[in-house]
Amino acid sequence: MREGLINYGILALIIGVALFCFYKAGKEQKNRKKFFFFISLGINLLVLPLSLFIGIMATDSGDSSLFWDGFLFVQAIPLLIMLVGIVILLVGIIVDLKSSRR
């Protein structure tokens, strides 16, 4: 009983944070860099429970290296999108800092 509450609580927390990221992205539509970052973060958080589940099911055969195969099978594209979002955000911050120094 207690483990189920903890598991569903963690799942609700992940979904809540993802929805907050989507809400925050809606407020940041003027700044496209932050918008893309928050959308990619929300997508990544929504896919995380599924990718962990697939990764754990892949280790059922006993080979522990299969976890990463199953995890990255589901999570690879959202992780790449998030990395692109981080790079775009950092480049935008660097450009803004350089333009404010002039």
PDB file of N, CA and C in Angstrom:
ATOM      1  N   MET A   1       0.826  -1.186   0.000  1.00  0.00           N
ATOM      2  CA  MET A   1       0.000   0.000   0.000  1.00  0.00           C
ATOM      3  C   MET A   1       0.876   1.256   0.000  1.00  0.00           C
ATOM      4  N   ARG A   2       1.829   1.265   0.896  1.00  0.00           N
ATOM      5  CA  ARG A   2       2.686   2.441   1.024  1.00  0.00           C
ATOM      6  C   ARG A   2       3.569   2.631  -0.211  1.00  0.00           C
ATOM      7  N   GLU A   3       4.076   1.513  -0.768  1.00  0.00           N
ATOM      8  CA  GLU A   3       4.925   1.599  -1.951  1.00  0.00           C
ATOM      9  C   GLU A   3       4.130   2.128  -3.145  1.00  0.00           C
ATOM     10  N   GLY A   4       2.863   1.727  -3.253  1.00  0.00           N
ATOM     11  CA  GLY A   4       2.021   2.204  -4.338  1.00  0.00           C
ATOM     12  C   GLY A   4       1.794   3.702  -4.253  1.00  0.00           C
ATOM     13  N   LEU A   5       1.586   4.198  -3.032  1.00  0.00           N
ATOM     14  CA  LEU A   5       1.406   5.642  -2.859  1.00  0.00           C
ATOM     15  C   LEU A   5       2.663   6.404  -3.231  1.00  0.00           C
ATOM     16  N   ILE A   6       3.813   5.856  -2.863  1.00  0.00           N
ATOM     17  CA  ILE A   6       5.079   6.513  -3.198  1.00  0.00           C
ATOM     18  C   ILE A   6       5.283   6.504  -4.714  1.00  0.00           C
ATOM     19  N   ASN A   7       5.018   5.360  -5.361  1.00  0.00           N
ATOM     20  CA  ASN A   7       5.203   5.272  -6.807  1.00  0.00           C
ATOM     21  C   ASN A   7       4.266   6.216  -7.552  1.00  0.00           C
ATOM     22  N   TYR A   8       2.991   6.223  -7.162  1.00  0.00           N
ATOM     23  CA  TYR A   8       2.042   7.120  -7.828  1.00  0.00           C
ATOM     24  C   TYR A   8       2.330   8.578  -7.493  1.00  0.00           C
ATOM     25  N   GLY A   9       2.856   8.827  -6.312  1.00  0.00           N
ATOM     26  CA  GLY A   9       3.234  10.191  -5.949  1.00  0.00           C
ATOM     27  C   GLY A   9       4.386  10.699  -6.803  1.00  0.00           C
ATOM     28  N   ILE A  10       5.369   9.853  -7.035  1.00  0.00           N
ATOM     29  CA  ILE A  10       6.500  10.233  -7.885  1.00  0.00           C
ATOM     30  C   ILE A  10       6.026  10.460  -9.314  1.00  0.00           C
ATOM     31  N   LEU A  11       5.146   9.588  -9.806  1.00  0.00           N
ATOM     32  CA  LEU A  11       4.607   9.746 -11.154  1.00  0.00           C
ATOM     33  C   LEU A  11       3.800  11.038 -11.272  1.00  0.00           C
ATOM     34  N   ALA A  12       2.999  11.343 -10.259  1.00  0.00           N
ATOM     35  CA  ALA A  12       2.223  12.584 -10.271  1.00  0.00           C
ATOM     36  C   ALA A  12       3.146  13.797 -10.217  1.00  0.00           C
ATOM     37  N   LEU A  13       4.235  13.697  -9.474  1.00  0.00           N
ATOM     38  CA  LEU A  13       5.193  14.796  -9.393  1.00  0.00           C
ATOM     39  C   LEU A  13       5.858  15.039 -10.751  1.00  0.00           C
ATOM     40  N   ILE A  14       6.254  13.970 -11.431  1.00  0.00           N
ATOM     41  CA  ILE A  14       6.883  14.102 -12.750  1.00  0.00           C
ATOM     42  C   ILE A  14       5.912  14.730 -13.744  1.00  0.00           C
ATOM     43  N   ILE A  15       4.669  14.262 -13.749  1.00  0.00           N
ATOM     44  CA  ILE A  15       3.677  14.816 -14.666  1.00  0.00           C
ATOM     45  C   ILE A  15       3.370  16.269 -14.306  1.00  0.00           C
ATOM     46  N   GLY A  16       3.303  16.577 -13.013  1.00  0.00           N
ATOM     47  CA  GLY A  16       3.065  17.952 -12.587  1.00  0.00           C
ATOM     48  C   GLY A  16       4.177  18.900 -13.015  1.00  0.00           C
ATOM     49  N   VAL A  17       5.417  18.464 -12.876  1.00  0.00           N
ATOM     50  CA  VAL A  17       6.546  19.300 -13.301  1.00  0.00           C
ATOM     51  C   VAL A  17       6.532  19.480 -14.816  1.00  0.00           C
ATOM     52  N   ALA A  18       6.186  18.425 -15.552  1.00  0.00           N
ATOM     53  CA  ALA A  18       6.106  18.536 -17.010  1.00  0.00           C
ATOM     54  C   ALA A  18       5.010  19.517 -17.424  1.00  0.00           C
ATOM     55  N   LEU A  19       3.860  19.438 -16.768  1.00  0.00           N
ATOM     56  CA  LEU A  19       2.785  20.376 -17.083  1.00  0.00           C
ATOM     57  C   LEU A  19       3.173  21.801 -16.714  1.00  0.00           C
ATOM     58  N   PHE A  20       3.904  21.964 -15.622  1.00  0.00           N
ATOM     59  CA  PHE A  20       4.396  23.296 -15.260  1.00  0.00           C
ATOM     60  C   PHE A  20       5.353  23.820 -16.329  1.00  0.00           C
ATOM     61  N   CYS A  21       6.193  22.944 -16.876  1.00  0.00           N
ATOM     62  CA  CYS A  21       7.104  23.364 -17.951  1.00  0.00           C
ATOM     63  C   CYS A  21       6.326  23.814 -19.177  1.00  0.00           C
ATOM     64  N   PHE A  22       5.237  23.098 -19.510  1.00  0.00           N
ATOM     65  CA  PHE A  22       4.407  23.522 -20.641  1.00  0.00           C
ATOM     66  C   PHE A  22       3.726  24.857 -20.343  1.00  0.00           C
ATOM     67  N   TYR A  23       3.272  25.036 -19.108  1.00  0.00           N
ATOM     68  CA  TYR A  23       2.647  26.303 -18.714  1.00  0.00           C
ATOM     69  C   TYR A  23       3.657  27.449 -18.795  1.00  0.00           C
ATOM     70  N   LYS A  24       4.854  27.188 -18.300  1.00  0.00           N
ATOM     71  CA  LYS A  24       5.906  28.205 -18.336  1.00  0.00           C
ATOM     72  C   LYS A  24       6.288  28.530 -19.780  1.00  0.00           C
ATOM     73  N   ALA A  25       6.283  27.523 -20.639  1.00  0.00           N
ATOM     74  CA  ALA A  25       6.601  27.760 -22.054  1.00  0.00           C
ATOM     75  C   ALA A  25       5.542  28.644 -22.701  1.00  0.00           C
ATOM     76  N   GLY A  26       4.295  28.484 -22.296  1.00  0.00           N
ATOM     77  CA  GLY A  26       3.238  29.328 -22.831  1.00  0.00           C
ATOM     78  C   GLY A  26       3.424  30.786 -22.466  1.00  0.00           C
ATOM     79  N   LYS A  27       3.986  31.045 -21.295  1.00  0.00           N
ATOM     80  CA  LYS A  27       4.253  32.417 -20.887  1.00  0.00           C
ATOM     81  C   LYS A  27       5.498  32.991 -21.548  1.00  0.00           C
ATOM     82  N   GLU A  28       6.381  32.128 -22.034  1.00  0.00           N
ATOM     83  CA  GLU A  28       7.645  32.571 -22.629  1.00  0.00           C
ATOM     84  C   GLU A  28       7.601  32.569 -24.158  1.00  0.00           C
ATOM     85  N   GLN A  29       6.432  32.737 -24.744  1.00  0.00           N
ATOM     86  CA  GLN A  29       6.336  32.664 -26.198  1.00  0.00           C
ATOM     87  C   GLN A  29       7.052  33.820 -26.882  1.00  0.00           C
ATOM     88  N   LYS A  30       7.245  34.925 -26.204  1.00  0.00           N
ATOM     89  CA  LYS A  30       7.977  36.036 -26.811  1.00  0.00           C
ATOM     90  C   LYS A  30       9.446  35.687 -26.983  1.00  0.00           C
ATOM     91  N   ASN A  31       9.995  34.961 -26.036  1.00  0.00           N
ATOM     92  CA  ASN A  31      11.392  34.533 -26.108  1.00  0.00           C
ATOM     93  C   ASN A  31      11.412  33.096 -26.641  1.00  0.00           C
ATOM     94  N   ARG A  32      11.685  32.943 -27.918  1.00  0.00           N
ATOM     95  CA  ARG A  32      11.612  31.634 -28.574  1.00  0.00           C
ATOM     96  C   ARG A  32      12.618  30.635 -28.003  1.00  0.00           C
ATOM     97  N   LYS A  33      13.761  31.140 -27.549  1.00  0.00           N
ATOM     98  CA  LYS A  33      14.787  30.236 -27.019  1.00  0.00           C
ATOM     99  C   LYS A  33      14.293  29.552 -25.744  1.00  0.00           C
ATOM    100  N   LYS A  34      13.727  30.326 -24.822  1.00  0.00           N
ATOM    101  CA  LYS A  34      13.195  29.745 -23.593  1.00  0.00           C
ATOM    102  C   LYS A  34      11.977  28.877 -23.883  1.00  0.00           C
ATOM    103  N   PHE A  35      11.165  29.291 -24.843  1.00  0.00           N
ATOM    104  CA  PHE A  35       9.989  28.519 -25.227  1.00  0.00           C
ATOM    105  C   PHE A  35      10.388  27.124 -25.687  1.00  0.00           C
ATOM    106  N   PHE A  36      11.366  27.039 -26.591  1.00  0.00           N
ATOM    107  CA  PHE A  36      11.813  25.746 -27.094  1.00  0.00           C
ATOM    108  C   PHE A  36      12.424  24.902 -25.981  1.00  0.00           C
ATOM    109  N   PHE A  37      13.179  25.537 -25.076  1.00  0.00           N
ATOM    110  CA  PHE A  37      13.790  24.805 -23.971  1.00  0.00           C
ATOM    111  C   PHE A  37      12.727  24.216 -23.047  1.00  0.00           C
ATOM    112  N   PHE A  38      11.726  25.001 -22.671  1.00  0.00           N
ATOM    113  CA  PHE A  38      10.703  24.497 -21.757  1.00  0.00           C
ATOM    114  C   PHE A  38       9.833  23.426 -22.404  1.00  0.00           C
ATOM    115  N   ILE A  39       9.549  23.567 -23.695  1.00  0.00           N
ATOM    116  CA  ILE A  39       8.788  22.520 -24.385  1.00  0.00           C
ATOM    117  C   ILE A  39       9.596  21.222 -24.429  1.00  0.00           C
ATOM    118  N   SER A  40      10.884  21.313 -24.736  1.00  0.00           N
ATOM    119  CA  SER A  40      11.710  20.103 -24.793  1.00  0.00           C
ATOM    120  C   SER A  40      11.868  19.477 -23.407  1.00  0.00           C
ATOM    121  N   LEU A  41      11.954  20.309 -22.371  1.00  0.00           N
ATOM    122  CA  LEU A  41      12.031  19.789 -21.006  1.00  0.00           C
ATOM    123  C   LEU A  41      10.740  19.075 -20.619  1.00  0.00           C
ATOM    124  N   GLY A  42       9.603  19.657 -20.997  1.00  0.00           N
ATOM    125  CA  GLY A  42       8.322  19.017 -20.699  1.00  0.00           C
ATOM    126  C   GLY A  42       8.157  17.687 -21.416  1.00  0.00           C
ATOM    127  N   ILE A  43       8.545  17.630 -22.684  1.00  0.00           N
ATOM    128  CA  ILE A  43       8.467  16.377 -23.436  1.00  0.00           C
ATOM    129  C   ILE A  43       9.371  15.327 -22.801  1.00  0.00           C
ATOM    130  N   ASN A  44      10.564  15.741 -22.416  1.00  0.00           N
ATOM    131  CA  ASN A  44      11.521  14.821 -21.800  1.00  0.00           C
ATOM    132  C   ASN A  44      10.960  14.268 -20.488  1.00  0.00           C
ATOM    133  N   LEU A  45      10.346  15.111 -19.681  1.00  0.00           N
ATOM    134  CA  LEU A  45       9.797  14.652 -18.410  1.00  0.00           C
ATOM    135  C   LEU A  45       8.589  13.744 -18.599  1.00  0.00           C
ATOM    136  N   LEU A  46       7.790  13.996 -19.627  1.00  0.00           N
ATOM    137  CA  LEU A  46       6.644  13.125 -19.866  1.00  0.00           C
ATOM    138  C   LEU A  46       7.060  11.741 -20.366  1.00  0.00           C
ATOM    139  N   VAL A  47       8.146  11.660 -21.099  1.00  0.00           N
ATOM    140  CA  VAL A  47       8.598  10.381 -21.648  1.00  0.00           C
ATOM    141  C   VAL A  47       9.423   9.595 -20.622  1.00  0.00           C
ATOM    142  N   LEU A  48       9.931  10.260 -19.602  1.00  0.00           N
ATOM    143  CA  LEU A  48      10.824   9.620 -18.624  1.00  0.00           C
ATOM    144  C   LEU A  48      10.220   8.383 -17.954  1.00  0.00           C
ATOM    145  N   PRO A  49       8.982   8.412 -17.421  1.00  0.00           N
ATOM    146  CA  PRO A  49       8.465   7.189 -16.781  1.00  0.00           C
ATOM    147  C   PRO A  49       8.353   6.016 -17.752  1.00  0.00           C
ATOM    148  N   LEU A  50       7.932   6.292 -18.989  1.00  0.00           N
ATOM    149  CA  LEU A  50       7.825   5.222 -19.978  1.00  0.00           C
ATOM    150  C   LEU A  50       9.189   4.637 -20.316  1.00  0.00           C
ATOM    151  N   SER A  51      10.189   5.498 -20.463  1.00  0.00           N
ATOM    152  CA  SER A  51      11.517   5.000 -20.812  1.00  0.00           C
ATOM    153  C   SER A  51      12.130   4.210 -19.649  1.00  0.00           C
ATOM    154  N   LEU A  52      11.876   4.639 -18.418  1.00  0.00           N
ATOM    155  CA  LEU A  52      12.356   3.854 -17.277  1.00  0.00           C
ATOM    156  C   LEU A  52      11.661   2.496 -17.225  1.00  0.00           C
ATOM    157  N   PHE A  53      10.362   2.469 -17.508  1.00  0.00           N
ATOM    158  CA  PHE A  53       9.631   1.206 -17.514  1.00  0.00           C
ATOM    159  C   PHE A  53      10.180   0.257 -18.575  1.00  0.00           C
ATOM    160  N   ILE A  54      10.391   0.759 -19.784  1.00  0.00           N
ATOM    161  CA  ILE A  54      10.924  -0.084 -20.859  1.00  0.00           C
ATOM    162  C   ILE A  54      12.337  -0.548 -20.512  1.00  0.00           C
ATOM    163  N   GLY A  55      13.141   0.334 -19.931  1.00  0.00           N
ATOM    164  CA  GLY A  55      14.498  -0.050 -19.537  1.00  0.00           C
ATOM    165  C   GLY A  55      14.507  -1.132 -18.478  1.00  0.00           C
ATOM    166  N   ILE A  56      13.597  -1.029 -17.511  1.00  0.00           N
ATOM    167  CA  ILE A  56      13.529  -2.034 -16.450  1.00  0.00           C
ATOM    168  C   ILE A  56      13.030  -3.368 -17.010  1.00  0.00           C
ATOM    169  N   MET A  57      12.071  -3.312 -17.918  1.00  0.00           N
ATOM    170  CA  MET A  57      11.575  -4.547 -18.526  1.00  0.00           C
ATOM    171  C   MET A  57      12.649  -5.207 -19.397  1.00  0.00           C
ATOM    172  N   ALA A  58      13.552  -4.425 -19.957  1.00  0.00           N
ATOM    173  CA  ALA A  58      14.613  -4.990 -20.788  1.00  0.00           C
ATOM    174  C   ALA A  58      15.626  -5.758 -19.952  1.00  0.00           C
ATOM    175  N   THR A  59      15.753  -5.430 -18.678  1.00  0.00           N
ATOM    176  CA  THR A  59      16.708  -6.134 -17.814  1.00  0.00           C
ATOM    177  C   THR A  59      16.126  -7.413 -17.240  1.00  0.00           C
ATOM    178  N   ASP A  60      14.913  -7.749 -17.607  1.00  0.00           N
ATOM    179  CA  ASP A  60      14.279  -8.954 -17.083  1.00  0.00           C
ATOM    180  C   ASP A  60      15.025 -10.215 -17.499  1.00  0.00           C
ATOM    181  N   SER A  61      15.762 -10.122 -18.606  1.00  0.00           N
ATOM    182  CA  SER A  61      16.497 -11.297 -19.074  1.00  0.00           C
ATOM    183  C   SER A  61      17.740 -11.572 -18.231  1.00  0.00           C
ATOM    184  N   GLY A  62      18.153 -10.642 -17.388  1.00  0.00           N
ATOM    185  CA  GLY A  62      19.292 -10.857 -16.514  1.00  0.00           C
ATOM    186  C   GLY A  62      20.530 -10.100 -16.924  1.00  0.00           C
ATOM    187  N   ASP A  63      20.585  -9.594 -18.123  1.00  0.00           N
ATOM    188  CA  ASP A  63      21.737  -8.825 -18.581  1.00  0.00           C
ATOM    189  C   ASP A  63      21.506  -7.355 -18.246  1.00  0.00           C
ATOM    190  N   SER A  64      22.285  -6.827 -17.328  1.00  0.00           N
ATOM    191  CA  SER A  64      22.035  -5.471 -16.832  1.00  0.00           C
ATOM    192  C   SER A  64      22.381  -4.389 -17.846  1.00  0.00           C
ATOM    193  N   SER A  65      23.153  -4.722 -18.872  1.00  0.00           N
ATOM    194  CA  SER A  65      23.485  -3.710 -19.877  1.00  0.00           C
ATOM    195  C   SER A  65      22.306  -3.414 -20.792  1.00  0.00           C
ATOM    196  N   LEU A  66      21.292  -4.260 -20.776  1.00  0.00           N
ATOM    197  CA  LEU A  66      20.127  -4.043 -21.624  1.00  0.00           C
ATOM    198  C   LEU A  66      19.256  -2.899 -21.128  1.00  0.00           C
ATOM    199  N   PHE A  67      19.452  -2.452 -19.872  1.00  0.00           N
ATOM    200  CA  PHE A  67      18.673  -1.334 -19.357  1.00  0.00           C
ATOM    201  C   PHE A  67      18.866  -0.101 -20.227  1.00  0.00           C
ATOM    202  N   TRP A  68      20.114   0.193 -20.559  1.00  0.00           N
ATOM    203  CA  TRP A  68      20.394   1.391 -21.349  1.00  0.00           C
ATOM    204  C   TRP A  68      19.861   1.265 -22.766  1.00  0.00           C
ATOM    205  N   ASP A  69      19.843   0.049 -23.306  1.00  0.00           N
ATOM    206  CA  ASP A  69      19.266  -0.162 -24.636  1.00  0.00           C
ATOM    207  C   ASP A  69      17.772   0.174 -24.627  1.00  0.00           C
ATOM    208  N   GLY A  70      17.063  -0.357 -23.636  1.00  0.00           N
ATOM    209  CA  GLY A  70      15.632  -0.087 -23.544  1.00  0.00           C
ATOM    210  C   GLY A  70      15.333   1.357 -23.189  1.00  0.00           C
ATOM    211  N   PHE A  71      16.126   1.925 -22.284  1.00  0.00           N
ATOM    212  CA  PHE A  71      15.927   3.308 -21.863  1.00  0.00           C
ATOM    213  C   PHE A  71      16.149   4.268 -23.023  1.00  0.00           C
ATOM    214  N   LEU A  72      17.252   4.089 -23.727  1.00  0.00           N
ATOM    215  CA  LEU A  72      17.570   4.999 -24.827  1.00  0.00           C
ATOM    216  C   LEU A  72      16.721   4.746 -26.072  1.00  0.00           C
ATOM    217  N   PHE A  73      16.120   3.552 -26.175  1.00  0.00           N
ATOM    218  CA  PHE A  73      15.205   3.279 -27.277  1.00  0.00           C
ATOM    219  C   PHE A  73      14.037   4.266 -27.246  1.00  0.00           C
ATOM    220  N   VAL A  74      13.554   4.579 -26.059  1.00  0.00           N
ATOM    221  CA  VAL A  74      12.426   5.492 -25.913  1.00  0.00           C
ATOM    222  C   VAL A  74      12.892   6.932 -25.702  1.00  0.00           C
ATOM    223  N   GLN A  75      13.975   7.125 -24.987  1.00  0.00           N
ATOM    224  CA  GLN A  75      14.395   8.447 -24.529  1.00  0.00           C
ATOM    225  C   GLN A  75      15.373   9.146 -25.468  1.00  0.00           C
ATOM    226  N   ALA A  76      15.865   8.512 -26.500  1.00  0.00           N
ATOM    227  CA  ALA A  76      16.927   9.100 -27.331  1.00  0.00           C
ATOM    228  C   ALA A  76      16.481  10.384 -28.027  1.00  0.00           C
ATOM    229  N   ILE A  77      15.346  10.367 -28.675  1.00  0.00           N
ATOM    230  CA  ILE A  77      14.899  11.558 -29.407  1.00  0.00           C
ATOM    231  C   ILE A  77      14.573  12.709 -28.460  1.00  0.00           C
ATOM    232  N   PRO A  78      13.836  12.491 -27.355  1.00  0.00           N
ATOM    233  CA  PRO A  78      13.628  13.613 -26.428  1.00  0.00           C
ATOM    234  C   PRO A  78      14.933  14.156 -25.824  1.00  0.00           C
ATOM    235  N   LEU A  79      15.902  13.283 -25.577  1.00  0.00           N
ATOM    236  CA  LEU A  79      17.187  13.778 -25.061  1.00  0.00           C
ATOM    237  C   LEU A  79      17.909  14.632 -26.099  1.00  0.00           C
ATOM    238  N   LEU A  80      17.871  14.219 -27.366  1.00  0.00           N
ATOM    239  CA  LEU A  80      18.494  15.022 -28.418  1.00  0.00           C
ATOM    240  C   LEU A  80      17.795  16.369 -28.573  1.00  0.00           C
ATOM    241  N   ILE A  81      16.463  16.359 -28.499  1.00  0.00           N
ATOM    242  CA  ILE A  81      15.722  17.616 -28.582  1.00  0.00           C
ATOM    243  C   ILE A  81      16.082  18.524 -27.412  1.00  0.00           C
ATOM    244  N   MET A  82      16.230  17.942 -26.222  1.00  0.00           N
ATOM    245  CA  MET A  82      16.588  18.749 -25.059  1.00  0.00           C
ATOM    246  C   MET A  82      18.007  19.295 -25.175  1.00  0.00           C
ATOM    247  N   LEU A  83      18.934  18.496 -25.688  1.00  0.00           N
ATOM    248  CA  LEU A  83      20.298  18.993 -25.887  1.00  0.00           C
ATOM    249  C   LEU A  83      20.321  20.152 -26.875  1.00  0.00           C
ATOM    250  N   VAL A  84      19.531  20.049 -27.945  1.00  0.00           N
ATOM    251  CA  VAL A  84      19.442  21.150 -28.903  1.00  0.00           C
ATOM    252  C   VAL A  84      18.847  22.386 -28.225  1.00  0.00           C
ATOM    253  N   GLY A  85      17.837  22.195 -27.384  1.00  0.00           N
ATOM    254  CA  GLY A  85      17.240  23.308 -26.657  1.00  0.00           C
ATOM    255  C   GLY A  85      18.221  23.980 -25.719  1.00  0.00           C
ATOM    256  N   ILE A  86      19.048  23.191 -25.033  1.00  0.00           N
ATOM    257  CA  ILE A  86      20.058  23.751 -24.131  1.00  0.00           C
ATOM    258  C   ILE A  86      21.091  24.538 -24.918  1.00  0.00           C
ATOM    259  N   VAL A  87      21.527  23.974 -26.057  1.00  0.00           N
ATOM    260  CA  VAL A  87      22.521  24.683 -26.880  1.00  0.00           C
ATOM    261  C   VAL A  87      21.947  25.995 -27.399  1.00  0.00           C
ATOM    262  N   ILE A  88      20.713  25.975 -27.880  1.00  0.00           N
ATOM    263  CA  ILE A  88      20.085  27.204 -28.384  1.00  0.00           C
ATOM    264  C   ILE A  88      19.959  28.235 -27.269  1.00  0.00           C
ATOM    265  N   LEU A  89      19.567  27.787 -26.088  1.00  0.00           N
ATOM    266  CA  LEU A  89      19.432  28.709 -24.957  1.00  0.00           C
ATOM    267  C   LEU A  89      20.775  29.305 -24.559  1.00  0.00           C
ATOM    268  N   LEU A  90      21.819  28.486 -24.488  1.00  0.00           N
ATOM    269  CA  LEU A  90      23.143  28.986 -24.106  1.00  0.00           C
ATOM    270  C   LEU A  90      23.723  29.926 -25.156  1.00  0.00           C
ATOM    271  N   VAL A  91      23.530  29.602 -26.424  1.00  0.00           N
ATOM    272  CA  VAL A  91      24.012  30.496 -27.484  1.00  0.00           C
ATOM    273  C   VAL A  91      23.288  31.840 -27.403  1.00  0.00           C
ATOM    274  N   GLY A  92      21.990  31.807 -27.143  1.00  0.00           N
ATOM    275  CA  GLY A  92      21.236  33.048 -26.995  1.00  0.00           C
ATOM    276  C   GLY A  92      21.711  33.877 -25.816  1.00  0.00           C
ATOM    277  N   ILE A  93      22.033  33.233 -24.704  1.00  0.00           N
ATOM    278  CA  ILE A  93      22.541  33.954 -23.532  1.00  0.00           C
ATOM    279  C   ILE A  93      23.902  34.574 -23.839  1.00  0.00           C
ATOM    280  N   ILE A  94      24.764  33.829 -24.508  1.00  0.00           N
ATOM    281  CA  ILE A  94      26.102  34.346 -24.836  1.00  0.00           C
ATOM    282  C   ILE A  94      25.994  35.532 -25.800  1.00  0.00           C
ATOM    283  N   VAL A  95      25.114  35.422 -26.786  1.00  0.00           N
ATOM    284  CA  VAL A  95      24.927  36.520 -27.739  1.00  0.00           C
ATOM    285  C   VAL A  95      24.382  37.755 -27.022  1.00  0.00           C
ATOM    286  N   ASP A  96      23.442  37.567 -26.105  1.00  0.00           N
ATOM    287  CA  ASP A  96      22.885  38.689 -25.359  1.00  0.00           C
ATOM    288  C   ASP A  96      23.936  39.343 -24.479  1.00  0.00           C
ATOM    289  N   LEU A  97      24.824  38.534 -23.866  1.00  0.00           N
ATOM    290  CA  LEU A  97      25.886  39.096 -23.019  1.00  0.00           C
ATOM    291  C   LEU A  97      26.884  39.899 -23.859  1.00  0.00           C
ATOM    292  N   LYS A  98      27.209  39.374 -25.034  1.00  0.00           N
ATOM    293  CA  LYS A  98      28.172  40.083 -25.899  1.00  0.00           C
ATOM    294  C   LYS A  98      27.572  41.387 -26.429  1.00  0.00           C
ATOM    295  N   SER A  99      26.289  41.369 -26.734  1.00  0.00           N
ATOM    296  CA  SER A  99      25.671  42.601 -27.258  1.00  0.00           C
ATOM    297  C   SER A  99      25.479  43.633 -26.157  1.00  0.00           C
ATOM    298  N   SER A 100      25.315  43.205 -24.906  1.00  0.00           N
ATOM    299  CA  SER A 100      25.137  44.169 -23.816  1.00  0.00           C
ATOM    300  C   SER A 100      26.483  44.800 -23.403  1.00  0.00           C
ATOM    301  N   ARG A 101      27.585  44.178 -23.707  1.00  0.00           N
ATOM    302  CA  ARG A 101      28.906  44.725 -23.363  1.00  0.00           C
ATOM    303  C   ARG A 101      29.300  45.848 -24.315  1.00  0.00           C
ATOM    304  N   ARG A 102      28.756  45.859 -25.505  1.00  0.00           N
ATOM    305  CA  ARG A 102      29.146  46.873 -26.508  1.00  0.00           C
ATOM    306  C   ARG A 102      28.480  48.178 -26.274  1.00  0.00           C
TER     307      ARG A 102
END
